[in-house]
C-alpha atoms as a PDB file:
ATOM      1  CA  MET A   1      40.144  -6.383  10.018  1.00  0.00           C
ATOM      2  CA  ASN A   2      38.280  -3.562  11.805  1.00  0.00           C
ATOM      3  CA  LYS A   3      37.392  -1.987   8.443  1.00  0.00           C
ATOM      4  CA  ALA A   4      35.947  -5.304   7.307  1.00  0.00           C
ATOM      5  CA  LEU A   5      33.798  -5.527  10.446  1.00  0.00           C
ATOM      6  CA  ALA A   6      32.684  -1.916  10.078  1.00  0.00           C
ATOM      7  CA  ILE A   7      31.526  -2.443   6.491  1.00  0.00           C
ATOM      8  CA  LEU A   8      29.731  -5.746   7.217  1.00  0.00           C
ATOM      9  CA  PRO A   9      26.470  -4.075   8.410  1.00  0.00           C
ATOM     10  CA  ILE A  10      26.379  -1.958   5.235  1.00  0.00           C
ATOM     11  CA  ILE A  11      26.742  -5.054   3.085  1.00  0.00           C
ATOM     12  CA  LEU A  12      23.990  -6.811   5.032  1.00  0.00           C
ATOM     13  CA  VAL A  13      21.633  -3.837   4.732  1.00  0.00           C
ATOM     14  CA  ALA A  14      22.241  -3.875   0.978  1.00  0.00           C
ATOM     15  CA  ALA A  15      21.614  -7.635   0.901  1.00  0.00           C
ATOM     16  CA  VAL A  16      18.250  -7.107   2.594  1.00  0.00           C
ATOM     17  CA  VAL A  17      17.132  -4.126   0.506  1.00  0.00           C
ATOM     18  CA  LEU A  18      18.462  -4.894  -2.990  1.00  0.00           C
ATOM     19  CA  PRO A  19      16.389  -8.058  -3.586  1.00  0.00           C
ATOM     20  CA  SER A  20      13.286  -5.918  -3.100  1.00  0.00           C
ATOM     21  CA  CYS A  21      14.453  -3.684  -5.955  1.00  0.00           C
ATOM     22  CA  ALA A  22      13.185  -6.118  -8.577  1.00  0.00           C
ATOM     23  CA  VAL A  23      12.082  -4.528 -11.816  1.00  0.00           C
ATOM     24  CA  ALA A  24       8.365  -3.725 -11.852  1.00  0.00           C
ATOM     25  CA  PRO A  25       6.289  -4.738 -14.857  1.00  0.00           C
ATOM     26  CA  GLN A  26       6.420  -2.121 -17.583  1.00  0.00           C
ATOM     27  CA  LEU A  27       2.815  -0.958 -17.669  1.00  0.00           C
ATOM     28  CA  SER A  28       1.635   2.070 -19.572  1.00  0.00           C
ATOM     29  CA  ASN A  29      -0.185   4.799 -17.656  1.00  0.00           C
ATOM     30  CA  LEU A  30      -3.455   3.605 -19.193  1.00  0.00           C
ATOM     31  CA  GLU A  31      -2.790   0.006 -18.063  1.00  0.00           C
ATOM     32  CA  LYS A  32      -1.984   1.217 -14.532  1.00  0.00           C
ATOM     33  CA  GLU A  33      -5.203   3.216 -14.375  1.00  0.00           C
ATOM     34  CA  GLU A  34      -7.207   0.257 -15.673  1.00  0.00           C
ATOM     35  CA  LEU A  35      -5.707  -1.996 -12.998  1.00  0.00           C
ATOM     36  CA  GLN A  36      -6.156   0.490 -10.154  1.00  0.00           C
ATOM     37  CA  SER A  37      -9.549   2.058 -11.017  1.00  0.00           C
ATOM     38  CA  ARG A  38     -13.193   1.029 -11.023  1.00  0.00           C
ATOM     39  CA  GLN A  39     -16.501   2.787 -11.520  1.00  0.00           C
ATOM     40  CA  LEU A  40     -19.226   2.155  -8.971  1.00  0.00           C
ATOM     41  CA  GLU A  41     -22.971   2.657  -9.200  1.00  0.00           C
ATOM     42  CA  CYS A  42     -23.321   4.979  -6.194  1.00  0.00           C
ATOM     43  CA  ASP A  43     -22.912   8.570  -5.096  1.00  0.00           C
ATOM     44  CA  LYS A  44     -19.540   9.902  -3.942  1.00  0.00           C
ATOM     45  CA  ARG A  45     -20.459   9.794  -0.215  1.00  0.00           C
ATOM     46  CA  THR A  46     -21.410   6.111  -0.358  1.00  0.00           C
ATOM     47  CA  GLY A  47     -18.262   5.267  -2.330  1.00  0.00           C
ATOM     48  CA  PHE A  48     -16.017   7.274   0.012  1.00  0.00           C
ATOM     49  CA  ASN A  49     -17.474   5.803   3.213  1.00  0.00           C
ATOM     50  CA  SER A  50     -17.317   2.299   1.723  1.00  0.00           C
ATOM     51  CA  CYS A  51     -13.622   2.765   0.889  1.00  0.00           C
ATOM     52  CA  VAL A  52     -12.831   3.786   4.467  1.00  0.00           C
ATOM     53  CA  SER A  53     -14.809   0.840   5.826  1.00  0.00           C
ATOM     54  CA  VAL A  54     -13.176  -1.723   3.500  1.00  0.00           C
ATOM     55  CA  LEU A  55      -9.683  -0.477   4.289  1.00  0.00           C
ATOM     56  CA  GLN A  56     -10.333  -0.626   8.037  1.00  0.00           C
ATOM     57  CA  SER A  57     -11.758  -4.144   7.689  1.00  0.00           C
ATOM     58  CA  ALA A  58      -8.596  -5.147   5.801  1.00  0.00           C
ATOM     59  CA  GLY A  59      -6.459  -3.987   8.746  1.00  0.00           C
ATOM     60  CA  TYR A  60      -5.355  -0.576   7.499  1.00  0.00           C
ATOM     61  CA  THR A  61      -5.098   2.382   9.850  1.00  0.00           C
ATOM     62  CA  ILE A  62      -6.659   5.414   8.186  1.00  0.00           C
ATOM     63  CA  GLU A  63      -4.141   8.238   8.399  1.00  0.00           C
ATOM     64  CA  ALA A  64      -6.166  10.849   6.506  1.00  0.00           C
ATOM     65  CA  ALA A  65      -9.570  10.995   4.857  1.00  0.00           C
ATOM     66  CA  ASP A  66     -10.903  14.162   3.232  1.00  0.00           C
ATOM     67  CA  PHE A  67     -14.281  13.909   1.538  1.00  0.00           C
ATOM     68  CA  GLU A  68     -13.933  17.220  -0.312  1.00  0.00           C
ATOM     69  CA  THR A  69     -10.733  16.160  -2.108  1.00  0.00           C
ATOM     70  CA  GLY A  70     -11.723  12.470  -2.162  1.00  0.00           C
ATOM     71  CA  ILE A  71      -8.319  11.419  -0.813  1.00  0.00           C
ATOM     72  CA  ILE A  72      -7.912   8.570   1.684  1.00  0.00           C
ATOM     73  CA  THR A  73      -4.523   7.356   2.924  1.00  0.00           C
ATOM     74  CA  GLY A  74      -3.803   4.432   5.190  1.00  0.00           C
ATOM     75  CA  SER A  75      -1.104   2.066   6.328  1.00  0.00           C
ATOM     76  CA  GLY A  76      -1.085  -1.602   7.176  1.00  0.00           C
ATOM     77  CA  GLU A  77       0.677  -3.329  10.034  1.00  0.00           C
ATOM     78  CA  THR A  78       4.464  -3.230  10.139  1.00  0.00           C
ATOM     79  CA  LYS A  79       5.999  -6.671   9.651  1.00  0.00           C
ATOM     80  CA  ASN A  80       9.435  -7.566  11.007  1.00  0.00           C
ATOM     81  CA  THR A  81      11.417  -9.079   8.131  1.00  0.00           C
ATOM     82  CA  THR A  82      14.772  -9.428   9.895  1.00  0.00           C
ATOM     83  CA  ASN A  83      16.436 -12.756   9.150  1.00  0.00           C
ATOM     84  CA  LEU A  84      19.019 -14.575  11.284  1.00  0.00           C
ATOM     85  CA  PHE A  85      22.082 -13.329   9.409  1.00  0.00           C
ATOM     86  CA  SER A  86      20.892  -9.722   9.529  1.00  0.00           C
ATOM     87  CA  ALA A  87      20.146  -9.963  13.237  1.00  0.00           C
ATOM     88  CA  LEU A  88      23.609 -11.373  13.955  1.00  0.00           C
ATOM     89  CA  ALA A  89      25.132  -8.413  12.110  1.00  0.00           C
ATOM     90  CA  GLY A  90      23.006  -5.892  14.008  1.00  0.00           C
ATOM     91  CA  VAL A  91      20.684  -5.095  11.114  1.00  0.00           C
ATOM     92  CA  SER A  92      16.927  -4.967  11.496  1.00  0.00           C
ATOM     93  CA  SER A  93      14.412  -4.754   8.671  1.00  0.00           C
ATOM     94  CA  SER A  94      10.680  -4.380   8.320  1.00  0.00           C
ATOM     95  CA  SER A  95       8.013  -3.883   5.680  1.00  0.00           C
ATOM     96  CA  GLN A  96       4.671  -2.114   5.583  1.00  0.00           C
ATOM     97  CA  THR A  97       1.960  -1.748   2.956  1.00  0.00           C
ATOM     98  CA  SER A  98       0.380   1.661   2.495  1.00  0.00           C
ATOM     99  CA  VAL A  99      -2.542   2.721   0.341  1.00  0.00           C
ATOM    100  CA  SER A 100      -3.836   5.908  -1.208  1.00  0.00           C
ATOM    101  CA  VAL A 101      -7.326   6.137  -2.665  1.00  0.00           C
ATOM    102  CA  PHE A 102      -8.922   8.844  -4.780  1.00  0.00           C
ATOM    103  CA  VAL A 103     -12.744   8.931  -4.917  1.00  0.00           C
ATOM    104  CA  GLU A 104     -14.481  11.222  -7.392  1.00  0.00           C
ATOM    105  CA  GLU A 105     -17.930  11.787  -8.862  1.00  0.00           C
ATOM    106  CA  TRP A 106     -17.875  10.411 -12.376  1.00  0.00           C
ATOM    107  CA  GLY A 107     -21.399  11.241 -13.482  1.00  0.00           C
ATOM    108  CA  PRO A 108     -24.950  11.025 -12.183  1.00  0.00           C
ATOM    109  CA  GLY A 109     -25.063   8.090  -9.776  1.00  0.00           C
ATOM    110  CA  THR A 110     -21.534   6.978 -10.681  1.00  0.00           C
ATOM    111  CA  THR A 111     -18.343   7.240  -8.660  1.00  0.00           C
ATOM    112  CA  LYS A 112     -14.816   6.445  -9.802  1.00  0.00           C
ATOM    113  CA  VAL A 113     -12.331   5.012  -7.296  1.00  0.00           C
ATOM    114  CA  ARG A 114      -8.600   4.676  -7.885  1.00  0.00           C
ATOM    115  CA  ALA A 115      -6.452   2.867  -5.315  1.00  0.00           C
ATOM    116  CA  THR A 116      -2.679   2.496  -5.205  1.00  0.00           C
ATOM    117  CA  PHE A 117      -1.024  -0.029  -2.885  1.00  0.00           C
ATOM    118  CA  VAL A 118       2.669   0.404  -2.080  1.00  0.00           C
ATOM    119  CA  GLU A 119       5.002  -2.002  -0.268  1.00  0.00           C
ATOM    120  CA  GLY A 120       7.617  -0.157   1.781  1.00  0.00           C
ATOM    121  CA  SER A 121      10.718  -1.842   3.193  1.00  0.00           C
ATOM    122  CA  PHE A 122      13.028  -0.359   5.810  1.00  0.00           C
ATOM    123  CA  ALA A 123      16.392  -1.472   7.157  1.00  0.00           C
ATOM    124  CA  SER A 124      18.681  -0.028   9.811  1.00  0.00           C
ATOM    125  CA  GLY A 125      22.063  -1.076  11.142  1.00  0.00           C
ATOM    126  CA  SER A 126      23.655  -0.821  14.552  1.00  0.00           C
ATOM    127  CA  TYR A 127      25.978   1.947  13.301  1.00  0.00           C
ATOM    128  CA  GLY A 128      23.124   4.243  12.285  1.00  0.00           C
ATOM    129  CA  GLN A 129      22.813   3.241   8.624  1.00  0.00           C
ATOM    130  CA  GLN A 130      19.283   3.376   7.297  1.00  0.00           C
ATOM    131  CA  SER A 131      17.680   2.592   3.986  1.00  0.00           C
ATOM    132  CA  SER A 132      14.151   2.468   2.658  1.00  0.00           C
ATOM    133  CA  ASN A 133      12.504   1.363  -0.538  1.00  0.00           C
ATOM    134  CA  ASP A 134       8.940   1.847  -1.783  1.00  0.00           C
ATOM    135  CA  LYS A 135       7.531  -0.322  -4.550  1.00  0.00           C
ATOM    136  CA  THR A 136       4.079   0.070  -6.087  1.00  0.00           C
ATOM    137  CA  ILE A 137       2.183  -3.210  -6.108  1.00  0.00           C
ATOM    138  CA  TYR A 138       0.949  -4.241  -9.568  1.00  0.00           C
ATOM    139  CA  GLU A 139      -0.505  -7.659  -8.710  1.00  0.00           C
ATOM    140  CA  ALA A 140      -3.976  -7.818 -10.219  1.00  0.00           C
ATOM    141  CA  SER A 141      -5.302 -10.000  -7.376  1.00  0.00           C
ATOM    142  CA  VAL A 142      -4.632  -7.239  -4.807  1.00  0.00           C
ATOM    143  CA  TYR A 143      -6.839  -4.800  -6.704  1.00  0.00           C
ATOM    144  CA  GLN A 144      -9.474  -7.417  -7.599  1.00  0.00           C
ATOM    145  CA  ASN A 145      -9.877  -8.318  -3.925  1.00  0.00           C
ATOM    146  CA  PHE A 146     -10.089  -4.671  -2.866  1.00  0.00           C
ATOM    147  CA  PHE A 147     -12.667  -3.753  -5.511  1.00  0.00           C
ATOM    148  CA  GLU A 148     -14.753  -6.877  -4.885  1.00  0.00           C
ATOM    149  CA  SER A 149     -14.914  -6.004  -1.176  1.00  0.00           C
ATOM    150  CA  LEU A 150     -15.702  -2.413  -2.123  1.00  0.00           C
ATOM    151  CA  ARG A 151     -18.583  -3.469  -4.394  1.00  0.00           C
ATOM    152  CA  GLN A 152     -20.028  -5.552  -1.557  1.00  0.00           C
ATOM    153  CA  ALA A 153     -19.717  -2.649   0.887  1.00  0.00           C
ATOM    154  CA  VAL A 154     -21.421  -0.289  -1.572  1.00  0.00           C
ATOM    155  CA  PHE A 155     -24.211  -2.833  -2.077  1.00  0.00           C
ATOM    156  CA  VAL A 156     -24.781  -3.113   1.686  1.00  0.00           C
ATOM    157  CA  ARG A 157     -24.653   0.655   2.234  1.00  0.00           C
ATOM    158  CA  SER A 158     -26.950   1.342  -0.702  1.00  0.00           C
ATOM    159  CA  GLY A 159     -29.473  -1.170   0.613  1.00  0.00           C
ATOM    160  CA  THR A 160     -29.477   0.209   4.156  1.00  0.00           C
ATOM    161  CA  GLN A 161     -29.792   3.921   3.393  1.00  0.00           C
ATOM    162  CA  PRO A 162     -33.109   5.493   4.419  1.00  0.00           C
END
């Protein structure tokens, strides 16, 4: 009986984490780049600053931003995803979206931006068990919304520069 109680939190952690292990769409590298990238009519500085601004407006905390490399990383708010059964078994779970963006000069007056959004899930039990799972988000609407907001930010910044 004690062995059954000891293994219960492990089973519950698996029950929380495994459903999030759904198979991602099989996209080619070219399809992934097409989904996650856009070219903008602006210089690299305007594109970079607009990316930081859009991410902050969307609720992301900027963890690192380096103009020279063009890399921006950020994380969204942590959401508690613990359900009743998990809580009763002493298991807690949460999820958080993170983002990495690469901004590069693509030609005269053109900047290329590639963004990758990742959903991370975490679970821990009362006996010290921990598990985590990261899954790249491939929903077109996520990227469409980001790039639409980015185009608007670039438009505003381009119109207000001296």
